[in-house]
Protein backbone atom coordinates (compact mmCIF):
# COMPACT_ATOMS: atom_id res chain seq x y z
CA MET A 1 117.22 46.66 96.95
CA THR A 2 117.92 48.34 100.21
CA THR A 3 115.67 49.94 102.54
CA ARG A 4 115.82 53.35 103.85
CA TYR A 5 114.80 53.48 107.15
CA ALA A 6 114.19 56.68 109.67
CA GLU A 7 117.63 57.00 110.28
CA ASP A 8 118.89 56.93 106.20
CA LEU A 9 115.91 60.05 105.58
CA SER A 10 116.40 63.99 105.93
CA VAL A 11 114.10 66.55 105.23
CA GLY A 12 115.11 67.76 101.70
CA ASP A 13 115.84 64.28 100.51
CA GLU A 14 113.54 63.69 96.58
CA PHE A 15 112.72 60.31 95.07
CA THR A 16 110.89 60.25 91.46
CA PHE A 17 107.92 57.88 90.65
CA GLY A 18 105.82 56.86 87.44
CA SER A 19 104.86 56.85 85.02
CA HIS A 20 101.62 55.98 83.79
CA THR A 21 99.59 56.72 81.08
CA VAL A 22 95.77 57.41 81.34
CA THR A 23 92.97 56.02 79.13
CA ALA A 24 89.89 57.29 78.76
CA GLU A 25 88.26 53.86 79.59
CA GLU A 26 89.96 53.74 83.09
CA ILE A 27 89.06 57.69 84.04
CA ILE A 28 85.31 56.56 83.06
CA GLU A 29 85.53 52.90 85.00
CA PHE A 30 86.71 54.89 88.30
CA ALA A 31 84.35 57.65 88.07
CA GLU A 32 81.34 55.14 87.49
CA GLN A 33 82.30 53.67 90.85
CA PHE A 34 83.29 56.39 92.86
CA ASP A 35 82.96 59.97 91.29
CA PRO A 36 79.83 59.97 88.40
CA GLN A 37 79.83 63.56 87.34
CA PRO A 38 79.49 63.94 83.59
CA PHE A 39 82.76 65.32 82.69
CA HIS A 40 84.63 61.84 84.26
CA VAL A 41 81.99 59.49 82.88
CA ASP A 42 80.54 60.83 79.56
CA GLU A 43 82.68 62.07 76.59
CA GLU A 44 79.72 63.76 74.93
CA ALA A 45 78.50 65.50 77.78
CA ALA A 46 82.17 66.43 78.80
CA LYS A 47 82.39 68.03 75.88
CA GLU A 48 79.65 70.17 77.07
CA SER A 49 81.73 70.46 80.12
CA MET A 50 83.82 73.51 81.36
CA PHE A 51 86.53 71.68 80.33
CA GLY A 52 85.57 71.12 77.02
CA GLY A 53 86.35 66.92 77.24
CA LEU A 54 86.71 64.15 79.53
CA VAL A 55 88.98 64.54 82.36
CA ALA A 56 89.95 62.56 85.30
CA SER A 57 88.31 62.71 89.04
CA GLY A 58 90.86 64.27 91.12
CA TRP A 59 90.18 61.05 93.30
CA HIS A 60 91.49 59.03 90.49
CA VAL A 61 94.90 60.72 90.34
CA VAL A 62 95.11 60.84 94.20
CA SER A 63 94.86 56.77 93.84
CA LEU A 64 97.19 56.34 90.80
CA THR A 65 99.74 58.68 92.29
CA ASN A 66 99.35 56.64 95.71
CA ARG A 67 100.16 53.02 93.34
CA MET A 68 103.54 54.94 91.60
CA LEU A 69 104.39 56.26 94.99
CA ALA A 70 104.01 52.59 96.18
CA ASP A 71 105.90 50.92 93.67
CA SER A 72 108.48 53.59 93.14
CA VAL A 73 109.19 55.00 96.50
CA PHE A 74 107.46 53.73 99.45
CA SER A 75 108.83 49.92 98.49
CA ARG A 76 112.24 51.16 99.50
CA ILE A 77 111.55 52.87 102.76
CA ALA A 78 110.58 51.30 106.08
CA LEU A 79 107.02 52.75 105.57
CA GLN A 80 104.90 51.40 108.26
CA GLY A 81 101.60 53.03 107.65
CA GLY A 82 99.87 56.81 107.01
CA HIS A 83 98.41 59.11 109.43
CA GLY A 84 96.69 61.62 107.29
CA THR A 85 97.23 63.87 103.78
CA ASP A 86 97.35 67.68 103.84
CA LYS A 87 96.76 70.13 101.31
CA VAL A 88 95.57 68.00 98.42
CA ARG A 89 94.82 70.41 95.43
CA PHE A 90 94.17 69.55 91.83
CA HIS A 91 96.17 71.99 89.52
CA GLU A 92 95.29 71.00 85.84
CA PRO A 93 93.16 68.51 84.73
CA THR A 94 94.40 65.16 83.79
CA ARG A 95 92.78 63.67 80.50
CA PRO A 96 93.30 61.03 78.07
CA GLY A 97 96.43 60.12 77.09
CA ASP A 98 98.19 62.33 79.92
CA THR A 99 101.02 60.21 81.12
CA LEU A 100 101.84 61.21 85.02
CA SER A 101 104.79 60.96 87.14
CA GLY A 102 105.93 63.11 89.72
CA VAL A 103 108.38 63.74 92.65
CA VAL A 104 108.39 63.51 96.31
CA GLU A 105 110.17 65.20 99.07
CA ILE A 106 110.42 64.62 102.48
CA VAL A 107 109.34 68.25 104.17
CA ASP A 108 109.50 67.50 108.10
CA ILE A 109 110.62 64.56 110.24
CA THR A 110 109.73 64.73 113.98
CA ASP A 111 110.10 62.20 116.61
CA PRO A 112 106.75 61.47 118.55
CA GLU A 113 107.51 60.37 121.94
CA SER A 114 104.41 58.03 121.68
CA ARG A 115 105.64 55.46 118.90
CA PRO A 116 109.78 55.63 119.78
CA HIS A 117 110.64 53.23 116.93
CA HIS A 118 109.35 55.06 114.28
CA ARG A 119 109.28 58.55 113.40
CA ASP A 120 107.18 61.06 111.54
CA VAL A 121 108.02 61.83 108.10
CA SER A 122 106.02 64.19 105.96
CA PHE A 123 105.96 63.98 101.79
CA GLY A 124 105.56 66.61 99.58
CA VAL A 125 104.13 65.43 96.45
CA THR A 126 104.00 66.71 93.08
CA THR A 127 102.61 64.46 90.10
CA ARG A 128 102.81 66.18 86.42
CA ASN A 129 101.66 65.60 83.12
CA ASP A 130 104.05 64.57 80.11
CA SER A 131 103.53 68.77 79.04
CA GLY A 132 105.51 69.50 82.82
CA ALA A 133 102.10 71.11 84.05
CA ASP A 134 101.44 70.09 87.89
CA VAL A 135 98.05 68.11 88.07
CA LEU A 136 98.29 67.35 91.77
CA THR A 137 100.04 68.50 95.10
CA MET A 138 99.41 66.77 98.28
CA VAL A 139 101.44 66.33 101.49
CA ASN A 140 101.30 62.77 102.87
CA HIS A 141 102.17 61.86 106.69
CA GLY A 142 103.61 58.48 107.73
CA MET A 143 105.37 56.47 109.96
CA VAL A 144 108.63 55.08 109.13
CA ALA A 145 110.39 52.48 111.35
CA ARG A 146 113.76 52.96 112.99
CA ARG A 147 116.02 50.69 112.24
CA GLU A 148 116.44 47.77 114.99
CA ASP A 149 119.53 47.63 117.11
CA ASP A 150 122.01 44.65 116.59
CA ASP A 151 123.06 44.44 120.11
């Protein structure tokens, strides 16, 4: 697998990622640790909520998305780390049985003076369920290494 460096990336480049099928058990397990609201941890209480059933925490969906990105996209890019995420939006609830996948598009590239061996790359992320509905959008900001000179 070829590693893509900063010079290999352009605004508009797109990469697909995924997929992961979400289970009720993992929704509850994540939520019990990190977001213990009734509609995430209790199937009966969730039926009485505005969601009408168990739904994943948005932060669980962010975590799943980050894992899929790491496995499918960022492992092929000379990503050196991140420095933030903006515009996190949860559009549709993620339910047990939903299969998530998505696309990431490079939306901005800048050359920071403070890090001449890197470029700052902004990744527009969209995660969708198997019905094609957007469940999450966000913009991740990362540092991608420049290719080292061979001289």
